[in-house]
Amino acid sequence: MAEDSSRIPHSEALDAASLVGYSDGSIVSRTLAENAGGTLTLFAFDSGEGLSEHTAPFDAVVQVLDGEAELTIGGKTVTARAGQLVIMPASTPHALKATQRFKMLLTMLRPE
């Protein structure tokens, strides 16, 4: 069976930030893992790019790997930088804007 190149190999130490690259004027994403419990997705945002306000039916954790972004969660603005993480609760409106080039690992946690 062919290996799915979008997924990460098991039992290896990897530099998460290097697994997705920046692209001028756009957002790049790569799903690393997905199962019934949730997903791990890497994102790279060029400066000024973002996601408009939306909701998700489950909790999400943003772990900033590089750069800086401004998140708005339930009307509250949070600035997050490399090395920080932010939890976005289920069903709460949220949006994101890269204040500079920005990479994040997004972990979606599906309820049991």
C-alpha atoms as a PDB file:
ATOM      1  CA  MET A   1       0.000   0.000   0.000  1.00  0.00           C
ATOM      2  CA  ALA A   2       1.339   3.474  -0.879  1.00  0.00           C
ATOM      3  CA  GLU A   3       2.156   5.810   2.005  1.00  0.00           C
ATOM      4  CA  ASP A   4      -0.084   8.859   2.382  1.00  0.00           C
ATOM      5  CA  SER A   5       2.424  11.719   2.079  1.00  0.00           C
ATOM      6  CA  SER A   6       0.100  14.139   3.909  1.00  0.00           C
ATOM      7  CA  ARG A   7       0.383  12.136   7.136  1.00  0.00           C
ATOM      8  CA  ILE A   8       3.364  12.064   9.458  1.00  0.00           C
ATOM      9  CA  PRO A   9       5.410   8.923  10.055  1.00  0.00           C
ATOM     10  CA  HIS A  10       5.082   7.135  13.372  1.00  0.00           C
ATOM     11  CA  SER A  11       7.902   6.781  15.910  1.00  0.00           C
ATOM     12  CA  GLU A  12       9.999   9.685  14.615  1.00  0.00           C
ATOM     13  CA  ALA A  13      10.927  13.054  16.123  1.00  0.00           C
ATOM     14  CA  LEU A  14       9.925  15.765  13.648  1.00  0.00           C
ATOM     15  CA  ASP A  15      10.220  19.533  13.478  1.00  0.00           C
ATOM     16  CA  ALA A  16       6.529  20.429  13.114  1.00  0.00           C
ATOM     17  CA  ALA A  17       7.163  23.928  11.719  1.00  0.00           C
ATOM     18  CA  SER A  18       9.193  22.482   8.845  1.00  0.00           C
ATOM     19  CA  LEU A  19       6.342  20.218   7.719  1.00  0.00           C
ATOM     20  CA  VAL A  20       4.415  23.073   6.106  1.00  0.00           C
ATOM     21  CA  GLY A  21       5.813  25.985   4.102  1.00  0.00           C
ATOM     22  CA  TYR A  22       4.722  29.565   3.584  1.00  0.00           C
ATOM     23  CA  SER A  23       3.218  30.715   0.300  1.00  0.00           C
ATOM     24  CA  ASP A  24       3.014  34.419  -0.586  1.00  0.00           C
ATOM     25  CA  GLY A  25      -0.480  35.837  -0.152  1.00  0.00           C
ATOM     26  CA  SER A  26      -2.096  32.619   0.956  1.00  0.00           C
ATOM     27  CA  ILE A  27      -2.774  29.991   3.608  1.00  0.00           C
ATOM     28  CA  VAL A  28      -1.267  26.504   3.363  1.00  0.00           C
ATOM     29  CA  SER A  29      -2.593  23.557   5.380  1.00  0.00           C
ATOM     30  CA  ARG A  30      -1.515  19.966   5.865  1.00  0.00           C
ATOM     31  CA  THR A  31      -3.443  17.329   7.802  1.00  0.00           C
ATOM     32  CA  LEU A  32      -0.998  15.265   9.840  1.00  0.00           C
ATOM     33  CA  ALA A  33      -3.355  12.843  11.560  1.00  0.00           C
ATOM     34  CA  GLU A  34      -7.066  12.171  11.729  1.00  0.00           C
ATOM     35  CA  ASN A  35      -9.200   9.637  13.562  1.00  0.00           C
ATOM     36  CA  ALA A  36     -12.488   9.412  15.458  1.00  0.00           C
ATOM     37  CA  GLY A  37     -11.007  11.456  18.335  1.00  0.00           C
ATOM     38  CA  GLY A  38      -9.959  14.445  16.261  1.00  0.00           C
ATOM     39  CA  THR A  39      -7.453  15.898  13.830  1.00  0.00           C
ATOM     40  CA  LEU A  40      -3.994  17.472  13.798  1.00  0.00           C
ATOM     41  CA  THR A  41      -3.532  20.049  11.065  1.00  0.00           C
ATOM     42  CA  LEU A  42      -0.601  22.352  10.365  1.00  0.00           C
ATOM     43  CA  PHE A  43      -1.251  25.788   8.897  1.00  0.00           C
ATOM     44  CA  ALA A  44       1.071  28.443   7.479  1.00  0.00           C
ATOM     45  CA  PHE A  45      -0.435  31.933   6.997  1.00  0.00           C
ATOM     46  CA  ASP A  46       1.243  34.727   5.102  1.00  0.00           C
ATOM     47  CA  SER A  47       1.154  38.081   6.901  1.00  0.00           C
ATOM     48  CA  GLY A  48      -2.314  39.621   6.765  1.00  0.00           C
ATOM     49  CA  GLU A  49      -4.061  36.355   5.870  1.00  0.00           C
ATOM     50  CA  GLY A  50      -6.690  34.898   8.154  1.00  0.00           C
ATOM     51  CA  LEU A  51      -9.879  32.963   8.718  1.00  0.00           C
ATOM     52  CA  SER A  52     -13.194  34.769   9.029  1.00  0.00           C
ATOM     53  CA  GLU A  53     -15.420  34.230  12.041  1.00  0.00           C
ATOM     54  CA  HIS A  54     -16.878  30.740  12.291  1.00  0.00           C
ATOM     55  CA  THR A  55     -17.736  28.085  14.883  1.00  0.00           C
ATOM     56  CA  ALA A  56     -16.742  24.442  15.340  1.00  0.00           C
ATOM     57  CA  PRO A  57     -18.747  21.777  17.151  1.00  0.00           C
ATOM     58  CA  PHE A  58     -15.764  20.718  19.262  1.00  0.00           C
ATOM     59  CA  ASP A  59     -12.885  22.249  21.228  1.00  0.00           C
ATOM     60  CA  ALA A  60      -9.780  23.301  19.313  1.00  0.00           C
ATOM     61  CA  VAL A  61      -6.244  24.012  20.497  1.00  0.00           C
ATOM     62  CA  VAL A  62      -4.009  26.404  18.550  1.00  0.00           C
ATOM     63  CA  GLN A  63      -0.293  25.888  19.212  1.00  0.00           C
ATOM     64  CA  VAL A  64       1.781  28.667  17.657  1.00  0.00           C
ATOM     65  CA  LEU A  65       4.970  27.332  16.067  1.00  0.00           C
ATOM     66  CA  ASP A  66       6.258  30.474  14.351  1.00  0.00           C
ATOM     67  CA  GLY A  67       5.308  34.129  14.080  1.00  0.00           C
ATOM     68  CA  GLU A  68       2.298  35.823  15.618  1.00  0.00           C
ATOM     69  CA  ALA A  69      -1.465  35.942  15.161  1.00  0.00           C
ATOM     70  CA  GLU A  70      -4.449  37.717  16.593  1.00  0.00           C
ATOM     71  CA  LEU A  71      -7.352  35.443  17.495  1.00  0.00           C
ATOM     72  CA  THR A  72     -10.815  36.668  18.339  1.00  0.00           C
ATOM     73  CA  ILE A  73     -12.732  34.157  20.454  1.00  0.00           C
ATOM     74  CA  GLY A  74     -16.230  34.969  21.622  1.00  0.00           C
ATOM     75  CA  GLY A  75     -15.509  38.678  21.086  1.00  0.00           C
ATOM     76  CA  LYS A  76     -12.239  38.608  23.078  1.00  0.00           C
ATOM     77  CA  THR A  77      -8.985  39.363  21.245  1.00  0.00           C
ATOM     78  CA  VAL A  78      -5.930  37.273  22.086  1.00  0.00           C
ATOM     79  CA  THR A  79      -2.448  37.766  20.629  1.00  0.00           C
ATOM     80  CA  ALA A  80      -0.512  34.502  20.412  1.00  0.00           C
ATOM     81  CA  ARG A  81       3.185  34.112  19.607  1.00  0.00           C
ATOM     82  CA  ALA A  82       5.575  31.232  18.917  1.00  0.00           C
ATOM     83  CA  GLY A  83       5.644  28.842  21.861  1.00  0.00           C
ATOM     84  CA  GLN A  84       2.161  29.754  23.099  1.00  0.00           C
ATOM     85  CA  LEU A  85      -1.147  27.939  22.828  1.00  0.00           C
ATOM     86  CA  VAL A  86      -4.768  29.025  22.938  1.00  0.00           C
ATOM     87  CA  ILE A  87      -7.856  26.889  23.572  1.00  0.00           C
ATOM     88  CA  MET A  88     -10.969  27.748  21.583  1.00  0.00           C
ATOM     89  CA  PRO A  89     -14.095  26.241  23.153  1.00  0.00           C
ATOM     90  CA  ALA A  90     -16.677  24.374  21.099  1.00  0.00           C
ATOM     91  CA  SER A  91     -19.520  26.374  19.535  1.00  0.00           C
ATOM     92  CA  THR A  92     -17.851  29.730  20.332  1.00  0.00           C
ATOM     93  CA  PRO A  93     -17.399  32.072  17.350  1.00  0.00           C
ATOM     94  CA  HIS A  94     -13.740  32.618  16.535  1.00  0.00           C
ATOM     95  CA  ALA A  95     -11.572  34.213  13.842  1.00  0.00           C
ATOM     96  CA  LEU A  96      -7.859  34.508  13.174  1.00  0.00           C
ATOM     97  CA  LYS A  97      -5.534  36.985  11.455  1.00  0.00           C
ATOM     98  CA  ALA A  98      -1.779  36.660  10.969  1.00  0.00           C
ATOM     99  CA  THR A  99      -0.158  39.885  12.192  1.00  0.00           C
ATOM    100  CA  GLN A 100       3.057  38.498  10.679  1.00  0.00           C
ATOM    101  CA  ARG A 101       3.855  35.224   8.925  1.00  0.00           C
ATOM    102  CA  PHE A 102       2.466  32.595  11.229  1.00  0.00           C
ATOM    103  CA  LYS A 103       2.456  28.804  11.591  1.00  0.00           C
ATOM    104  CA  MET A 104       0.202  26.851  13.904  1.00  0.00           C
ATOM    105  CA  LEU A 105      -0.669  23.302  14.801  1.00  0.00           C
ATOM    106  CA  LEU A 106      -4.437  22.986  15.197  1.00  0.00           C
ATOM    107  CA  THR A 107      -5.729  20.107  17.313  1.00  0.00           C
ATOM    108  CA  MET A 108      -9.453  19.460  17.044  1.00  0.00           C
ATOM    109  CA  LEU A 109     -10.834  17.377  19.920  1.00  0.00           C
ATOM    110  CA  ARG A 110     -14.097  15.634  19.122  1.00  0.00           C
ATOM    111  CA  PRO A 111     -16.339  14.949  22.136  1.00  0.00           C
ATOM    112  CA  GLU A 112     -16.884  11.346  23.174  1.00  0.00           C
END
